[in-house]
N, C-alpha and C. Protein backbone atom coordinates (compact mmCIF):
# COMPACT_ATOMS: atom_id res chain seq x y z
N MET A 1 203.79 16.98 -34.07
CA MET A 1 204.36 16.73 -33.20
C MET A 1 204.61 15.48 -32.70
N GLU A 2 205.83 14.67 -32.72
CA GLU A 2 205.68 13.27 -32.56
C GLU A 2 205.49 13.12 -30.52
N LYS A 3 204.79 11.92 -30.77
CA LYS A 3 204.37 11.65 -29.45
C LYS A 3 205.43 11.12 -28.70
N ARG A 4 205.09 11.33 -27.60
CA ARG A 4 206.66 11.32 -26.55
C ARG A 4 206.13 9.94 -25.35
N LYS A 5 207.19 9.21 -25.19
CA LYS A 5 207.92 7.89 -24.75
C LYS A 5 207.40 8.18 -22.84
N ILE A 6 207.66 7.18 -22.30
CA ILE A 6 207.36 7.17 -20.98
C ILE A 6 208.80 8.13 -20.90
N GLU A 7 209.68 7.44 -20.93
CA GLU A 7 211.24 7.86 -21.53
C GLU A 7 211.19 9.26 -21.68
N ASP A 8 210.89 9.88 -22.29
CA ASP A 8 210.78 11.08 -22.35
C ASP A 8 210.32 12.28 -21.44
N LEU A 9 209.76 11.99 -20.32
CA LEU A 9 209.24 12.26 -19.39
C LEU A 9 209.99 12.56 -18.27
N LYS A 10 211.15 11.74 -18.54
CA LYS A 10 211.60 12.07 -17.21
C LYS A 10 212.85 13.55 -16.94
N ILE A 11 213.07 13.88 -17.83
CA ILE A 11 213.24 15.39 -17.91
C ILE A 11 212.77 16.27 -17.05
N GLU A 12 211.61 15.83 -17.35
CA GLU A 12 210.00 16.94 -16.70
C GLU A 12 210.21 16.59 -15.23
N TYR A 13 210.37 15.53 -14.77
CA TYR A 13 210.77 14.76 -13.65
C TYR A 13 211.31 15.08 -12.58
N ASP A 14 212.63 15.35 -13.01
CA ASP A 14 213.91 15.58 -12.89
C ASP A 14 213.84 16.97 -12.31
N ARG A 15 213.21 18.16 -13.23
CA ARG A 15 213.27 19.23 -13.22
C ARG A 15 212.51 20.14 -12.19
N LEU A 16 211.27 18.93 -11.18
CA LEU A 16 210.35 18.75 -10.84
C LEU A 16 211.14 18.53 -9.03
N GLN A 17 211.58 17.82 -9.87
CA GLN A 17 212.66 16.99 -8.25
C GLN A 17 213.06 18.26 -7.21
N LYS A 18 214.16 18.79 -8.60
CA LYS A 18 214.99 20.11 -8.16
C LYS A 18 214.26 20.86 -7.31
N LYS A 19 213.00 21.64 -7.76
CA LYS A 19 212.18 22.29 -7.08
C LYS A 19 211.42 22.18 -5.82
N TYR A 20 210.27 20.85 -5.64
CA TYR A 20 209.82 19.82 -4.88
C TYR A 20 210.40 19.27 -3.89
N GLY A 21 211.09 18.73 -4.73
CA GLY A 21 211.74 17.12 -3.68
C GLY A 21 212.94 17.64 -2.74
N ALA A 22 213.41 16.68 -2.07
CA ALA A 22 214.63 16.50 -1.65
C ALA A 22 215.64 16.90 -1.83
N LYS A 23 216.51 17.81 -1.95
CA LYS A 23 217.35 18.03 -3.04
C LYS A 23 218.76 16.95 -3.41
N GLU A 24 218.60 16.10 -1.92
CA GLU A 24 219.96 14.48 -1.90
C GLU A 24 219.03 13.27 -2.54
N LEU A 25 217.91 13.79 -3.02
CA LEU A 25 217.57 12.87 -3.45
C LEU A 25 217.23 12.84 -5.06
N ASP A 26 216.70 11.68 -5.54
CA ASP A 26 216.60 11.24 -6.99
C ASP A 26 214.84 11.08 -7.35
N SER A 27 214.56 11.73 -8.11
CA SER A 27 213.10 11.70 -8.26
C SER A 27 212.47 10.00 -8.58
N ILE A 28 211.50 9.62 -8.34
CA ILE A 28 211.26 8.66 -8.68
C ILE A 28 209.66 8.14 -10.28
N TYR A 29 209.85 7.59 -10.59
CA TYR A 29 209.30 7.56 -11.28
C TYR A 29 207.82 6.83 -11.94
N ASN A 30 208.09 5.40 -12.82
CA ASN A 30 207.03 4.51 -12.90
C ASN A 30 207.45 2.97 -12.71
N GLY A 31 206.46 2.35 -13.01
CA GLY A 31 206.85 1.19 -13.52
C GLY A 31 205.96 -0.17 -13.79
N GLY A 32 206.68 -1.16 -14.95
CA GLY A 32 205.35 -2.00 -14.91
C GLY A 32 204.92 -2.07 -16.43
N CYS A 33 203.68 -2.72 -17.04
CA CYS A 33 203.34 -2.70 -17.85
C CYS A 33 202.72 -1.34 -18.80
N GLU A 34 203.39 -0.87 -20.09
CA GLU A 34 203.70 0.28 -20.46
C GLU A 34 202.61 0.37 -21.48
N ARG A 35 202.24 -0.93 -21.84
CA ARG A 35 201.06 -0.66 -23.26
C ARG A 35 199.82 -1.62 -22.98
N ASN A 36 198.69 -0.50 -22.80
CA ASN A 36 197.42 -1.05 -22.27
C ASN A 36 196.97 -1.76 -21.38
N PRO A 37 198.19 -1.46 -19.97
CA PRO A 37 198.01 -2.32 -18.88
C PRO A 37 196.12 -2.61 -18.98
N ASN A 38 196.47 -3.66 -17.75
CA ASN A 38 194.44 -3.84 -16.89
C ASN A 38 194.25 -2.28 -16.36
N ILE A 39 195.13 -2.11 -15.69
CA ILE A 39 195.07 -1.07 -14.41
C ILE A 39 196.47 -0.35 -14.25
N CYS A 40 195.91 1.09 -13.67
CA CYS A 40 197.24 2.18 -13.80
C CYS A 40 197.17 2.38 -12.31
N PHE A 41 197.90 1.94 -11.27
CA PHE A 41 197.38 2.57 -9.61
C PHE A 41 198.27 3.81 -9.34
N VAL A 42 197.91 4.56 -8.83
CA VAL A 42 198.10 6.13 -8.94
C VAL A 42 198.31 6.38 -7.57
N PHE A 43 199.62 6.43 -6.59
CA PHE A 43 200.13 6.53 -5.51
C PHE A 43 200.06 8.16 -5.37
N MET A 44 200.54 8.17 -4.04
CA MET A 44 201.15 10.04 -3.59
C MET A 44 201.88 10.47 -4.10
N ASN A 45 203.22 10.38 -3.24
CA ASN A 45 204.18 10.59 -4.01
C ASN A 45 205.62 9.16 -2.88
N PRO A 46 206.68 9.63 -3.62
CA PRO A 46 207.48 8.52 -3.03
C PRO A 46 208.25 9.62 -1.51
N THR A 47 209.48 8.86 -1.13
CA THR A 47 209.68 9.17 -0.03
C THR A 47 211.30 8.25 -0.47
N GLY A 48 211.82 9.45 0.46
CA GLY A 48 213.70 8.59 0.65
C GLY A 48 213.60 6.77 1.29
N LYS A 49 212.38 6.28 1.66
CA LYS A 49 213.20 5.20 2.15
C LYS A 49 212.60 3.81 0.49
N ASN A 50 212.28 4.68 -0.25
CA ASN A 50 212.58 3.91 -1.56
C ASN A 50 214.48 3.77 -1.90
N ILE A 51 214.26 2.71 -2.06
CA ILE A 51 216.05 2.52 -2.02
C ILE A 51 217.06 3.60 -3.65
N ALA A 52 215.80 3.00 -4.73
CA ALA A 52 216.07 3.82 -5.74
C ALA A 52 216.51 5.75 -5.86
N SER A 53 216.01 6.02 -4.68
CA SER A 53 216.17 7.38 -5.03
C SER A 53 217.43 7.66 -4.35
N ASP A 54 217.99 7.15 -4.02
CA ASP A 54 219.35 7.43 -3.64
C ASP A 54 220.46 7.86 -4.70
N LYS A 55 220.90 9.09 -4.95
CA LYS A 55 221.88 9.03 -6.16
C LYS A 55 222.88 8.47 -6.78
N SER A 56 223.40 7.44 -5.98
CA SER A 56 223.87 6.69 -6.81
C SER A 56 223.39 5.30 -7.49
N TRP A 57 222.53 5.51 -6.72
CA TRP A 57 221.52 4.25 -7.57
C TRP A 57 221.05 4.25 -9.39
N LYS A 58 221.48 3.02 -9.69
CA LYS A 58 221.76 3.17 -10.99
C LYS A 58 220.80 2.15 -12.07
N GLY A 59 219.96 1.91 -10.91
CA GLY A 59 218.68 0.99 -11.82
C GLY A 59 217.71 1.72 -12.30
N ARG A 60 216.67 0.81 -12.05
CA ARG A 60 215.36 1.14 -12.79
C ARG A 60 214.67 2.16 -11.23
N LYS A 61 214.18 3.62 -11.25
CA LYS A 61 213.98 4.44 -10.49
C LYS A 61 212.14 3.84 -10.31
N SER A 62 211.32 2.77 -9.68
CA SER A 62 210.07 2.42 -9.35
C SER A 62 209.78 2.58 -8.59
N PRO A 63 208.14 2.74 -7.94
CA PRO A 63 207.41 2.86 -6.93
C PRO A 63 207.97 2.14 -6.20
N TRP A 64 208.15 2.50 -4.81
CA TRP A 64 207.99 1.32 -3.78
C TRP A 64 209.26 0.01 -3.57
N LEU A 65 210.33 0.70 -4.40
CA LEU A 65 211.79 -0.50 -4.05
C LEU A 65 212.11 -0.48 -2.81
N GLY A 66 212.59 -1.59 -2.45
CA GLY A 66 213.36 -1.67 -0.95
C GLY A 66 212.31 -1.57 0.51
N THR A 67 211.07 -1.35 -0.24
CA THR A 67 209.92 -1.54 0.84
C THR A 67 209.02 -2.90 1.19
N LYS A 68 208.16 -2.46 1.96
CA LYS A 68 207.50 -4.45 2.20
C LYS A 68 206.50 -4.01 3.00
N ASN A 69 205.41 -3.19 2.70
CA ASN A 69 204.23 -3.04 2.83
C ASN A 69 203.12 -3.17 2.09
N ILE A 70 203.69 -2.41 0.96
CA ILE A 70 202.64 -2.14 -0.15
C ILE A 70 202.45 -3.26 -0.86
N TRP A 71 203.66 -4.38 -0.81
CA TRP A 71 203.67 -5.67 -2.02
C TRP A 71 202.35 -6.29 -1.52
N LYS A 72 201.94 -6.15 0.00
CA LYS A 72 201.07 -6.91 0.82
C LYS A 72 199.70 -6.93 -0.60
N LEU A 73 199.56 -5.75 -0.68
CA LEU A 73 198.80 -5.34 -1.33
C LEU A 73 198.28 -6.30 -2.48
N PHE A 74 199.16 -6.09 -3.64
CA PHE A 74 199.52 -6.74 -4.96
C PHE A 74 199.60 -7.70 -4.30
N ASN A 75 199.98 -8.65 -3.96
CA ASN A 75 199.63 -9.78 -3.28
C ASN A 75 198.52 -10.51 -3.06
N LYS A 76 197.63 -9.68 -1.97
CA LYS A 76 196.55 -10.03 -1.46
C LYS A 76 195.53 -10.07 -2.89
N VAL A 77 195.74 -9.08 -4.14
CA VAL A 77 195.05 -9.22 -5.12
C VAL A 77 195.00 -9.86 -6.07
N SER A 78 196.24 -10.97 -6.24
CA SER A 78 196.47 -11.97 -7.52
C SER A 78 197.62 -11.52 -8.32
N LEU A 79 198.25 -10.04 -8.10
CA LEU A 79 198.58 -8.91 -8.97
C LEU A 79 200.24 -9.28 -8.45
N LEU A 80 200.80 -10.19 -7.84
CA LEU A 80 201.90 -10.86 -7.37
C LEU A 80 201.87 -12.16 -6.26
N SER A 81 203.22 -12.97 -7.25
CA SER A 81 202.87 -14.00 -6.33
C SER A 81 203.15 -14.68 -5.28
N ASP A 82 203.18 -15.76 -4.73
CA ASP A 82 203.13 -16.26 -3.03
C ASP A 82 204.91 -15.51 -3.36
N ASP A 83 205.66 -16.27 -4.05
CA ASP A 83 206.56 -16.65 -4.13
C ASP A 83 207.89 -15.30 -3.79
N THR A 84 207.57 -14.47 -5.39
CA THR A 84 207.79 -12.99 -4.82
C THR A 84 207.68 -12.05 -3.28
N TYR A 85 205.85 -12.64 -2.99
CA TYR A 85 206.04 -11.74 -2.18
C TYR A 85 206.74 -12.26 -0.91
N ASN A 86 207.19 -13.52 -0.21
CA ASN A 86 207.72 -13.89 0.38
C ASN A 86 208.98 -13.41 0.27
N LYS A 87 210.17 -13.35 -0.83
CA LYS A 87 210.94 -13.21 -0.92
C LYS A 87 211.43 -11.82 -0.65
N ILE A 88 210.70 -10.80 -1.36
CA ILE A 88 210.67 -9.34 -0.91
C ILE A 88 210.10 -9.09 1.07
N GLN A 89 209.64 -9.83 1.29
CA GLN A 89 209.70 -10.04 3.10
C GLN A 89 210.35 -10.06 3.78
N GLU A 90 211.50 -11.16 2.96
CA GLU A 90 212.79 -12.15 3.78
C GLU A 90 214.28 -10.86 3.36
N LYS A 91 213.71 -9.76 2.67
CA LYS A 91 214.55 -9.44 2.51
C LYS A 91 214.43 -7.96 3.20
N LYS A 92 216.28 -7.47 3.28
CA LYS A 92 216.67 -5.98 4.08
C LYS A 92 216.49 -5.01 2.56
N PRO A 93 215.92 -3.90 3.35
CA PRO A 93 216.52 -2.58 2.04
C PRO A 93 217.45 -2.81 1.45
N LYS A 94 218.61 -2.89 2.09
CA LYS A 94 219.34 -3.26 0.97
C LYS A 94 220.39 -4.69 0.29
N GLU A 95 219.18 -5.37 0.80
CA GLU A 95 219.49 -6.02 -0.33
C GLU A 95 218.67 -6.73 -1.87
N TRP A 96 217.70 -4.95 -1.48
CA TRP A 96 216.98 -5.36 -2.60
C TRP A 96 218.38 -5.05 -4.23
N ASP A 97 218.72 -5.69 -4.98
CA ASP A 97 219.85 -5.35 -6.17
C ASP A 97 218.85 -5.02 -7.09
N TYR A 98 220.12 -4.37 -8.13
CA TYR A 98 219.66 -4.38 -9.79
C TYR A 98 218.36 -5.78 -10.34
N GLU A 99 218.64 -6.31 -9.94
CA GLU A 99 218.87 -7.61 -10.83
C GLU A 99 217.45 -8.21 -9.81
N PHE A 100 216.66 -8.10 -8.24
CA PHE A 100 215.57 -7.95 -7.66
C PHE A 100 214.67 -7.14 -8.33
N CYS A 101 214.88 -5.82 -8.21
CA CYS A 101 214.22 -4.52 -8.90
C CYS A 101 213.43 -5.41 -9.25
N ASP A 102 214.23 -5.32 -10.86
CA ASP A 102 213.63 -6.02 -12.14
C ASP A 102 212.85 -7.10 -12.40
N TYR A 103 213.50 -7.95 -11.83
CA TYR A 103 212.41 -9.41 -10.88
C TYR A 103 211.23 -9.27 -10.83
N VAL A 104 211.06 -8.27 -9.88
CA VAL A 104 209.68 -7.31 -8.86
C VAL A 104 208.98 -6.43 -9.86
N TYR A 105 209.35 -6.15 -10.89
CA TYR A 105 208.45 -5.08 -12.09
C TYR A 105 208.55 -6.05 -13.33
N ASN A 106 209.39 -7.25 -13.52
CA ASN A 106 209.18 -7.68 -14.74
C ASN A 106 207.90 -8.72 -14.19
N GLU A 107 207.91 -9.29 -13.33
CA GLU A 107 206.06 -9.26 -13.02
C GLU A 107 204.84 -8.46 -12.94
N ILE A 108 205.20 -7.82 -12.19
CA ILE A 108 204.07 -6.71 -11.92
C ILE A 108 203.49 -6.56 -14.16
N GLU A 109 204.61 -6.44 -14.63
CA GLU A 109 204.81 -6.07 -16.36
C GLU A 109 203.65 -7.13 -16.44
N ASP A 110 204.52 -8.43 -16.76
CA ASP A 110 203.38 -9.49 -17.21
C ASP A 110 201.83 -10.32 -16.16
N ASN A 111 201.60 -9.28 -15.25
CA ASN A 111 200.49 -8.85 -14.64
C ASN A 111 199.12 -8.03 -15.22
N LYS A 112 200.18 -7.17 -16.18
CA LYS A 112 199.12 -6.01 -16.65
C LYS A 112 198.66 -4.76 -16.11
N ILE A 113 199.68 -4.72 -15.10
CA ILE A 113 199.65 -3.21 -14.30
C ILE A 113 200.56 -2.38 -14.44
N PHE A 114 200.47 -0.79 -13.89
CA PHE A 114 201.92 0.03 -14.15
C PHE A 114 201.51 0.41 -12.64
N ILE A 115 202.61 0.90 -12.34
CA ILE A 115 202.25 1.65 -11.05
C ILE A 115 202.99 2.99 -11.16
N THR A 116 202.56 3.86 -10.50
CA THR A 116 203.10 5.16 -10.60
C THR A 116 202.47 6.30 -9.37
N ASN A 117 203.19 7.43 -9.30
CA ASN A 117 202.33 8.08 -8.32
C ASN A 117 202.43 9.84 -9.25
N LEU A 118 201.18 10.15 -8.23
CA LEU A 118 200.94 11.80 -8.93
C LEU A 118 202.19 12.24 -8.71
N GLY A 119 202.66 12.88 -7.88
CA GLY A 119 203.90 13.59 -7.60
C GLY A 119 204.99 12.59 -7.37
N LYS A 120 206.07 12.96 -8.46
CA LYS A 120 207.47 11.92 -8.03
C LYS A 120 208.03 12.99 -7.35
N CYS A 121 207.73 13.87 -6.97
CA CYS A 121 208.90 14.71 -5.93
C CYS A 121 209.44 13.91 -5.12
N THR A 122 210.29 12.80 -4.67
CA THR A 122 211.06 12.43 -3.33
C THR A 122 211.29 13.32 -1.94
N GLN A 123 210.82 12.78 -1.22
CA GLN A 123 210.92 13.23 -0.13
C GLN A 123 211.59 12.62 0.91
N VAL A 124 212.34 13.47 1.46
CA VAL A 124 212.62 12.58 3.07
C VAL A 124 212.25 11.54 3.77
N ASP A 125 210.46 11.80 4.11
CA ASP A 125 210.07 11.58 4.91
C ASP A 125 208.47 11.36 4.40
N ALA A 126 206.80 10.74 5.49
CA ALA A 126 206.09 11.08 4.01
C ALA A 126 205.41 11.97 4.75
N ARG A 127 206.03 13.22 4.58
CA ARG A 127 205.38 14.59 4.90
C ARG A 127 204.02 14.82 3.82
N PRO A 128 203.19 14.78 4.22
CA PRO A 128 201.89 15.36 3.21
C PRO A 128 202.22 16.61 1.86
N LEU A 129 202.35 16.91 0.89
CA LEU A 129 202.65 17.47 0.34
C LEU A 129 201.46 18.40 -0.16
N THR A 130 201.31 20.03 -0.86
CA THR A 130 200.03 20.39 -1.08
C THR A 130 199.79 19.81 -1.94
N ASP A 131 197.79 20.31 -2.24
CA ASP A 131 197.72 20.57 -3.69
C ASP A 131 198.35 21.04 -4.70
N ASP A 132 198.40 22.19 -4.36
CA ASP A 132 199.80 22.86 -5.25
C ASP A 132 200.95 21.98 -5.79
N VAL A 133 201.51 21.88 -5.26
CA VAL A 133 202.54 20.81 -5.67
C VAL A 133 201.94 19.62 -6.32
N LEU A 134 200.85 18.55 -6.05
CA LEU A 134 200.69 17.39 -6.97
C LEU A 134 200.01 18.30 -7.87
N LYS A 135 199.39 19.34 -8.24
CA LYS A 135 198.96 19.85 -9.13
C LYS A 135 199.84 19.87 -10.12
N GLN A 136 200.88 20.45 -9.91
CA GLN A 136 201.99 20.78 -11.16
C GLN A 136 202.34 19.65 -11.82
N TYR A 137 202.30 18.56 -11.06
CA TYR A 137 202.65 16.95 -12.09
C TYR A 137 201.20 16.28 -12.73
N LEU A 138 199.94 17.27 -12.32
CA LEU A 138 198.97 16.97 -13.22
C LEU A 138 199.14 16.22 -14.55
N ASP A 139 199.20 17.52 -15.17
CA ASP A 139 199.24 17.46 -17.02
C ASP A 139 199.91 15.93 -17.36
N LEU A 140 201.62 15.79 -16.69
CA LEU A 140 202.68 14.46 -16.72
C LEU A 140 201.53 13.70 -16.61
N LEU A 141 200.92 13.81 -15.64
CA LEU A 141 200.35 11.89 -15.36
C LEU A 141 199.41 11.60 -16.15
N LEU A 142 198.44 12.56 -17.14
CA LEU A 142 197.67 12.69 -17.52
C LEU A 142 198.30 12.35 -19.00
N GLU A 143 199.76 12.80 -19.43
CA GLU A 143 200.15 12.36 -20.16
C GLU A 143 200.77 10.90 -20.40
N GLU A 144 201.42 10.25 -18.82
CA GLU A 144 201.35 9.06 -19.02
C GLU A 144 200.02 8.32 -19.40
N ILE A 145 199.36 8.45 -18.85
CA ILE A 145 197.90 7.96 -19.38
C ILE A 145 197.85 7.66 -20.63
N ASP A 146 197.98 8.77 -21.71
CA ASP A 146 197.35 8.70 -22.98
C ASP A 146 198.47 7.87 -23.48
N ILE A 147 199.80 7.73 -22.98
CA ILE A 147 201.01 6.71 -23.23
C ILE A 147 201.05 5.47 -23.09
N ILE A 148 200.43 4.97 -22.11
CA ILE A 148 200.14 3.65 -21.60
C ILE A 148 198.59 2.89 -22.03
N LYS A 149 197.71 4.01 -22.17
CA LYS A 149 196.46 4.08 -22.05
C LYS A 149 195.35 2.74 -21.68
N PRO A 150 195.36 2.68 -20.21
CA PRO A 150 195.08 1.85 -18.89
C PRO A 150 193.89 1.29 -19.44
N LYS A 151 192.92 -0.13 -19.30
CA LYS A 151 191.58 0.53 -19.65
C LYS A 151 191.00 0.31 -18.27
N ALA A 152 191.37 0.42 -16.81
CA ALA A 152 191.14 1.34 -15.38
C ALA A 152 192.30 2.01 -15.10
N ILE A 153 191.49 3.05 -13.96
CA ILE A 153 192.93 3.94 -13.07
C ILE A 153 192.30 3.70 -11.83
N VAL A 154 193.13 3.10 -11.01
CA VAL A 154 193.28 3.16 -9.75
C VAL A 154 193.87 4.31 -8.75
N THR A 155 193.14 5.43 -8.25
CA THR A 155 193.26 6.35 -7.52
C THR A 155 193.67 6.42 -6.08
N PHE A 156 194.68 6.44 -5.25
CA PHE A 156 194.65 6.04 -4.00
C PHE A 156 194.54 7.21 -3.67
N GLY A 157 193.22 7.33 -2.78
CA GLY A 157 193.42 8.83 -1.09
C GLY A 157 192.66 9.51 -1.98
N ASN A 158 191.71 10.27 -0.89
CA ASN A 158 190.85 11.18 -1.00
C ASN A 158 192.18 12.65 -1.58
N GLN A 159 193.42 12.98 -1.77
CA GLN A 159 193.50 14.24 -1.86
C GLN A 159 194.25 13.80 -3.65
N VAL A 160 194.84 12.69 -4.02
CA VAL A 160 194.86 12.52 -5.17
C VAL A 160 193.68 11.98 -6.07
N SER A 161 193.11 11.38 -5.57
CA SER A 161 191.82 11.11 -6.04
C SER A 161 190.44 12.61 -6.52
N SER A 162 190.69 13.26 -6.04
CA SER A 162 190.03 14.90 -6.01
C SER A 162 190.83 15.75 -7.33
N ILE A 163 192.48 15.48 -6.90
CA ILE A 163 193.28 16.38 -8.24
C ILE A 163 192.89 15.46 -9.58
N ILE A 164 193.03 14.32 -9.62
CA ILE A 164 192.71 13.92 -10.62
C ILE A 164 191.60 14.10 -11.24
N LEU A 165 190.89 13.97 -10.59
CA LEU A 165 189.35 14.27 -11.36
C LEU A 165 188.58 15.49 -11.21
N ASN A 166 189.07 16.57 -10.84
CA ASN A 166 189.04 17.61 -10.58
C ASN A 166 187.42 18.17 -9.83
N LYS A 167 187.64 17.51 -8.51
CA LYS A 167 186.41 17.39 -7.48
C LYS A 167 186.56 16.97 -7.00
N LYS A 168 185.58 17.07 -5.36
CA LYS A 168 186.11 17.33 -3.95
C LYS A 168 185.42 15.35 -3.99
N ILE A 169 186.28 14.48 -3.72
CA ILE A 169 185.92 13.21 -3.64
C ILE A 169 186.40 12.56 -2.09
N SER A 170 185.62 11.91 -1.74
CA SER A 170 185.90 11.34 -0.64
C SER A 170 185.31 9.81 -0.68
N VAL A 171 186.81 8.74 -0.62
CA VAL A 171 186.65 7.62 -1.08
C VAL A 171 185.50 6.78 -0.31
N SER A 172 185.64 7.24 0.86
CA SER A 172 184.24 6.41 1.44
C SER A 172 183.00 6.65 1.10
N GLU A 173 182.95 7.38 0.24
CA GLU A 173 181.32 7.68 -0.30
C GLU A 173 181.39 6.87 -1.99
N ASN A 174 182.96 6.80 -2.51
CA ASN A 174 183.26 6.33 -3.50
C ASN A 174 183.61 5.01 -4.01
N ARG A 175 183.70 3.93 -2.61
CA ARG A 175 184.00 2.96 -3.22
C ARG A 175 183.21 2.00 -4.25
N LYS A 176 184.78 1.41 -5.05
CA LYS A 176 183.36 0.60 -6.21
C LYS A 176 182.68 1.30 -6.98
N ILE A 177 183.26 2.73 -7.41
CA ILE A 177 182.04 3.53 -8.01
C ILE A 177 183.06 3.90 -8.83
N SER A 178 182.44 4.31 -10.07
CA SER A 178 183.95 4.86 -11.40
C SER A 178 183.42 6.18 -11.37
N HIS A 179 184.71 7.00 -11.77
CA HIS A 179 184.62 8.17 -12.68
C HIS A 179 185.29 8.18 -13.70
N GLU A 180 184.43 9.28 -14.89
CA GLU A 180 185.41 8.96 -16.04
C GLU A 180 185.98 10.28 -16.34
N ILE A 181 187.44 10.48 -16.92
CA ILE A 181 188.38 11.47 -17.46
C ILE A 181 188.97 11.05 -18.89
N ILE A 182 188.76 12.33 -19.16
CA ILE A 182 188.72 12.34 -20.96
C ILE A 182 190.71 12.61 -20.97
N VAL A 183 190.86 12.10 -21.96
CA VAL A 183 192.65 12.90 -21.72
C VAL A 183 192.95 12.27 -23.54
N LYS A 184 192.92 13.45 -24.06
CA LYS A 184 193.19 13.16 -25.73
C LYS A 184 192.52 12.56 -26.46
N ASP A 185 190.79 12.92 -25.86
CA ASP A 185 189.65 12.48 -26.47
C ASP A 185 189.17 10.64 -26.41
N ASN A 186 190.20 10.33 -25.45
CA ASN A 186 190.04 8.88 -24.88
C ASN A 186 189.46 8.92 -23.33
N SER A 187 188.42 7.69 -23.24
CA SER A 187 187.44 7.98 -21.99
C SER A 187 188.50 6.88 -21.03
N TYR A 188 188.89 7.39 -19.83
CA TYR A 188 188.95 6.04 -19.08
C TYR A 188 188.28 5.97 -17.57
N LYS A 189 188.18 5.36 -17.22
CA LYS A 189 187.49 4.62 -15.70
C LYS A 189 188.22 5.17 -14.61
N VAL A 190 188.01 6.07 -13.93
CA VAL A 190 188.83 6.55 -12.51
C VAL A 190 188.04 5.90 -11.04
N PHE A 191 188.88 4.92 -10.61
CA PHE A 191 188.20 3.92 -9.49
C PHE A 191 189.35 4.85 -8.39
N PRO A 192 188.78 5.93 -7.34
CA PRO A 192 188.69 6.05 -5.90
C PRO A 192 189.00 4.95 -4.68
N VAL A 193 189.91 4.87 -4.43
CA VAL A 193 190.51 3.62 -3.45
C VAL A 193 191.08 4.15 -2.33
N TYR A 194 190.47 3.18 -0.71
CA TYR A 194 191.42 3.86 0.06
C TYR A 194 192.71 3.86 0.02
N TYR A 195 193.57 5.04 0.64
CA TYR A 195 194.97 4.71 0.51
C TYR A 195 195.66 3.52 1.79
N PRO A 196 196.05 2.56 1.06
CA PRO A 196 196.57 1.53 2.14
C PRO A 196 198.08 1.04 2.88
N VAL A 197 198.85 1.91 2.85
CA VAL A 197 199.89 1.95 3.93
C VAL A 197 200.20 3.55 4.73
N GLY A 198 200.95 3.47 5.29
CA GLY A 198 201.74 4.20 5.95
C GLY A 198 200.18 4.58 7.22
N ASN A 199 199.68 5.94 7.11
CA ASN A 199 198.62 5.60 8.36
C ASN A 199 198.02 5.38 7.77
N GLY A 200 197.51 4.97 6.23
CA GLY A 200 196.18 4.90 5.56
C GLY A 200 196.11 2.66 6.18
N ILE A 201 197.01 1.97 6.84
CA ILE A 201 196.95 1.07 6.52
C ILE A 201 196.24 0.21 7.46
N PHE A 202 195.43 0.80 8.08
CA PHE A 202 194.24 0.22 8.39
C PHE A 202 193.31 0.21 7.84
N ASN A 203 193.15 0.89 6.48
CA ASN A 203 192.43 0.64 5.27
C ASN A 203 192.70 -0.17 4.41
N ILE A 204 194.03 -1.33 4.79
CA ILE A 204 194.10 -2.14 3.58
C ILE A 204 192.83 -3.39 3.13
N ASP A 205 192.60 -3.61 3.73
CA ASP A 205 191.34 -4.88 4.06
C ASP A 205 190.49 -4.30 2.95
N LYS A 206 190.01 -2.52 3.15
CA LYS A 206 189.25 -1.97 2.45
C LYS A 206 189.57 -2.10 0.59
N SER A 207 191.18 -1.72 0.88
CA SER A 207 191.74 -1.38 -0.27
C SER A 207 191.76 -2.74 -1.36
N ILE A 208 192.14 -3.71 -0.66
CA ILE A 208 191.74 -4.91 -1.14
C ILE A 208 190.72 -5.62 -1.98
N GLU A 209 189.61 -5.36 -0.73
CA GLU A 209 188.32 -5.71 -1.01
C GLU A 209 188.00 -5.16 -2.62
N ASP A 210 187.93 -3.83 -2.64
CA ASP A 210 187.46 -2.89 -3.72
C ASP A 210 188.47 -3.16 -5.15
N ILE A 211 189.79 -3.33 -4.69
CA ILE A 211 190.13 -3.38 -6.17
C ILE A 211 189.98 -5.17 -6.57
N LYS A 212 190.28 -5.93 -6.02
CA LYS A 212 189.20 -7.35 -6.58
C LYS A 212 188.36 -7.02 -7.04
N TRP A 213 187.39 -6.08 -6.52
CA TRP A 213 185.92 -5.78 -7.46
C TRP A 213 186.12 -5.43 -8.94
N ILE A 214 187.12 -4.36 -8.54
CA ILE A 214 187.41 -3.53 -10.30
C ILE A 214 188.15 -4.62 -10.86
N ILE A 215 189.42 -5.18 -10.18
CA ILE A 215 189.47 -6.62 -11.32
C ILE A 215 188.43 -7.46 -11.78
N ASN A 216 187.50 -8.10 -11.10
CA ASN A 216 186.26 -8.87 -11.74
C ASN A 216 185.74 -7.86 -12.56
N ASN A 217 185.26 -6.91 -12.90
CA ASN A 217 184.69 -5.95 -13.15
C ASN A 217 185.03 -4.93 -14.35
N LEU A 218 186.46 -5.47 -14.62
CA LEU A 218 187.31 -4.31 -15.59
C LEU A 218 186.66 -4.66 -17.39
N ASP A 219 185.74 -5.90 -17.23
CA ASP A 219 185.17 -5.79 -18.87
C ASP A 219 183.72 -5.54 -18.88
N LYS A 220 183.46 -4.71 -18.14
CA LYS A 220 181.65 -4.88 -17.57
C LYS A 220 181.19 -2.98 -17.96
């Protein structure tokens, strides 16, 4: 059987959106470097704050479009330029047009990173998802990883890290510690990191510190 491409997974994500997401919103997929990125960043799940979740949106459906806070993290770890970060901070959500969304993600791609969520089911707000729902996406996430083959994976928060690693993880006890997962006979290093936005915004400095360390130790 021919190996699937990233695009091929969207049908599955859309099916699960109807089952677990808000009916009036679209699924949010992923974005960035799809061929051997240095880091695959795995967040939890998207919300309706992402302007691309609107059903009328015809552009890319990548994480964090139309939002501000998360881009501080990528800027502080030198994965997003000051110029692009400042443009993001100046824009209101509705001012993110298709061209600007591509502009941001072209830079993310150039910086050799890939951004995704474990759960692709968009909710109207930041309500927590159960482990059972997020686990419905695990095989698809592992397929994503197999397709892009990143050097390392960063998982944000206890819940996402625990599900992906299939063991109970407390980020506070695992800072700068790598775990291993095997996907289709390939081994990947997984680094649990504090969730840096929403309720986790007070941990963003720890997230920045740990991601800088991960970047500096990628090839060790």
